[in-house]
Amino acid sequence: MTIYQVIRRPIITEKGVQKKEAERTLCFEVAPEANKTQIRAAVEKLFKVKVESVRTLHNVGKLRRRGRFSGYRPNWKKAYVKLQPGQKVPEFAEI
């Protein structure tokens, strides 16, 4: 699995930007089968920074209805990546 398959996209929300500024933590949508070691290696190689810790969580897809038809959104995985002190935070979340 390449680094671009592991990290799908950054999650740019109010909570994500706040965590980035206050706690030096980046938020990404990652591949569901990716583990913490792969996520750490991908972020270090892609952004050229040192990672302190990685936390992951699985989001369950919500029920969505369109008239009488209903279905579920796909499940997805989120990763919070905390950078080591002294590392420069990448500026991809400029709003």
Protein backbone atom coordinates (compact mmCIF):
# COMPACT_ATOMS: atom_id res chain seq x y z
CA MET A 1 0.00 0.00 0.00
CA THR A 2 1.45 3.39 -1.02
CA ILE A 3 1.39 6.49 1.17
CA TYR A 4 -1.33 7.97 -1.05
CA GLN A 5 -3.52 4.91 -0.53
CA VAL A 6 -3.02 5.04 3.26
CA ILE A 7 -3.86 8.76 3.63
CA ARG A 8 -6.96 9.58 1.61
CA ARG A 9 -7.51 13.25 2.53
CA PRO A 10 -7.07 15.73 5.37
CA ILE A 11 -10.20 16.48 7.37
CA ILE A 12 -10.57 20.25 7.54
CA THR A 13 -13.25 21.11 10.08
CA GLU A 14 -13.47 23.60 12.94
CA LYS A 15 -12.49 20.88 15.41
CA GLY A 16 -9.60 19.73 13.22
CA VAL A 17 -8.18 23.22 12.76
CA GLN A 18 -8.52 23.92 16.50
CA LYS A 19 -6.66 20.69 17.38
CA LYS A 20 -3.98 21.55 14.83
CA GLU A 21 -3.33 24.97 16.36
CA ALA A 22 -3.66 24.05 20.05
CA GLU A 23 -2.32 20.48 20.23
CA ARG A 24 -0.17 20.13 17.06
CA THR A 25 -2.47 17.31 15.91
CA LEU A 26 -3.41 16.64 12.29
CA CYS A 27 -6.62 14.87 11.27
CA PHE A 28 -6.88 12.56 8.21
CA GLU A 29 -9.29 10.16 6.59
CA VAL A 30 -7.28 6.97 6.11
CA ALA A 31 -7.81 3.59 4.51
CA PRO A 32 -9.89 1.27 6.75
CA GLU A 33 -7.27 -1.48 6.58
CA ALA A 34 -4.33 0.83 7.42
CA ASN A 35 -2.71 0.37 10.83
CA LYS A 36 -1.01 2.95 13.05
CA THR A 37 2.50 2.03 11.86
CA GLN A 38 1.55 2.56 8.21
CA ILE A 39 -0.17 5.87 9.02
CA ARG A 40 2.90 7.10 10.96
CA ALA A 41 5.26 6.19 8.11
CA ALA A 42 3.02 7.81 5.49
CA VAL A 43 2.72 11.12 7.37
CA GLU A 44 6.45 11.24 8.12
CA LYS A 45 7.35 10.61 4.47
CA LEU A 46 4.67 12.85 2.94
CA PHE A 47 5.11 15.93 5.17
CA LYS A 48 8.76 15.35 6.28
CA VAL A 49 7.94 15.64 10.01
CA LYS A 50 8.40 13.42 13.08
CA VAL A 51 5.26 11.86 14.57
CA GLU A 52 4.81 11.46 18.33
CA SER A 53 1.59 9.40 18.40
CA VAL A 54 -1.28 8.16 16.24
CA ARG A 55 -4.87 7.62 17.39
CA THR A 56 -7.47 6.02 15.15
CA LEU A 57 -11.21 5.56 15.21
CA HIS A 58 -13.81 3.89 12.99
CA ASN A 59 -16.86 5.92 11.98
CA VAL A 60 -19.95 3.88 11.20
CA GLY A 61 -21.92 4.97 8.13
CA LYS A 62 -25.18 6.76 8.84
CA LEU A 63 -28.62 5.76 7.57
CA ARG A 64 -29.70 7.99 4.68
CA ARG A 65 -33.15 8.12 3.10
CA ARG A 66 -34.27 9.41 -0.29
CA GLY A 67 -38.04 9.22 -0.28
CA ARG A 68 -39.05 5.63 0.33
CA PHE A 69 -35.57 4.30 -0.42
CA SER A 70 -33.04 3.99 2.38
CA GLY A 71 -29.42 2.94 2.59
CA TYR A 72 -26.25 3.43 4.56
CA ARG A 73 -23.25 5.61 3.89
CA PRO A 74 -19.96 3.70 3.83
CA ASN A 75 -17.94 3.15 7.01
CA TRP A 76 -14.65 5.06 7.18
CA LYS A 77 -11.60 5.48 9.40
CA LYS A 78 -10.15 8.66 10.91
CA ALA A 79 -6.66 9.20 12.30
CA TYR A 80 -5.38 11.90 14.68
CA VAL A 81 -1.61 12.31 14.24
CA LYS A 82 0.27 14.27 16.93
CA LEU A 83 3.60 15.79 15.91
CA GLN A 84 6.69 15.88 18.10
CA PRO A 85 7.59 19.19 19.75
CA GLY A 86 9.68 21.43 17.51
CA GLN A 87 8.23 20.07 14.26
CA LYS A 88 6.71 22.53 11.78
CA VAL A 89 2.98 21.96 11.27
CA PRO A 90 2.05 21.70 7.54
CA GLU A 91 -0.26 24.48 6.34
CA PHE A 92 -2.83 22.52 4.31
CA ALA A 93 -5.78 23.65 6.46
CA GLU A 94 -5.87 27.33 5.57
CA ILE A 95 -9.47 28.46 5.36
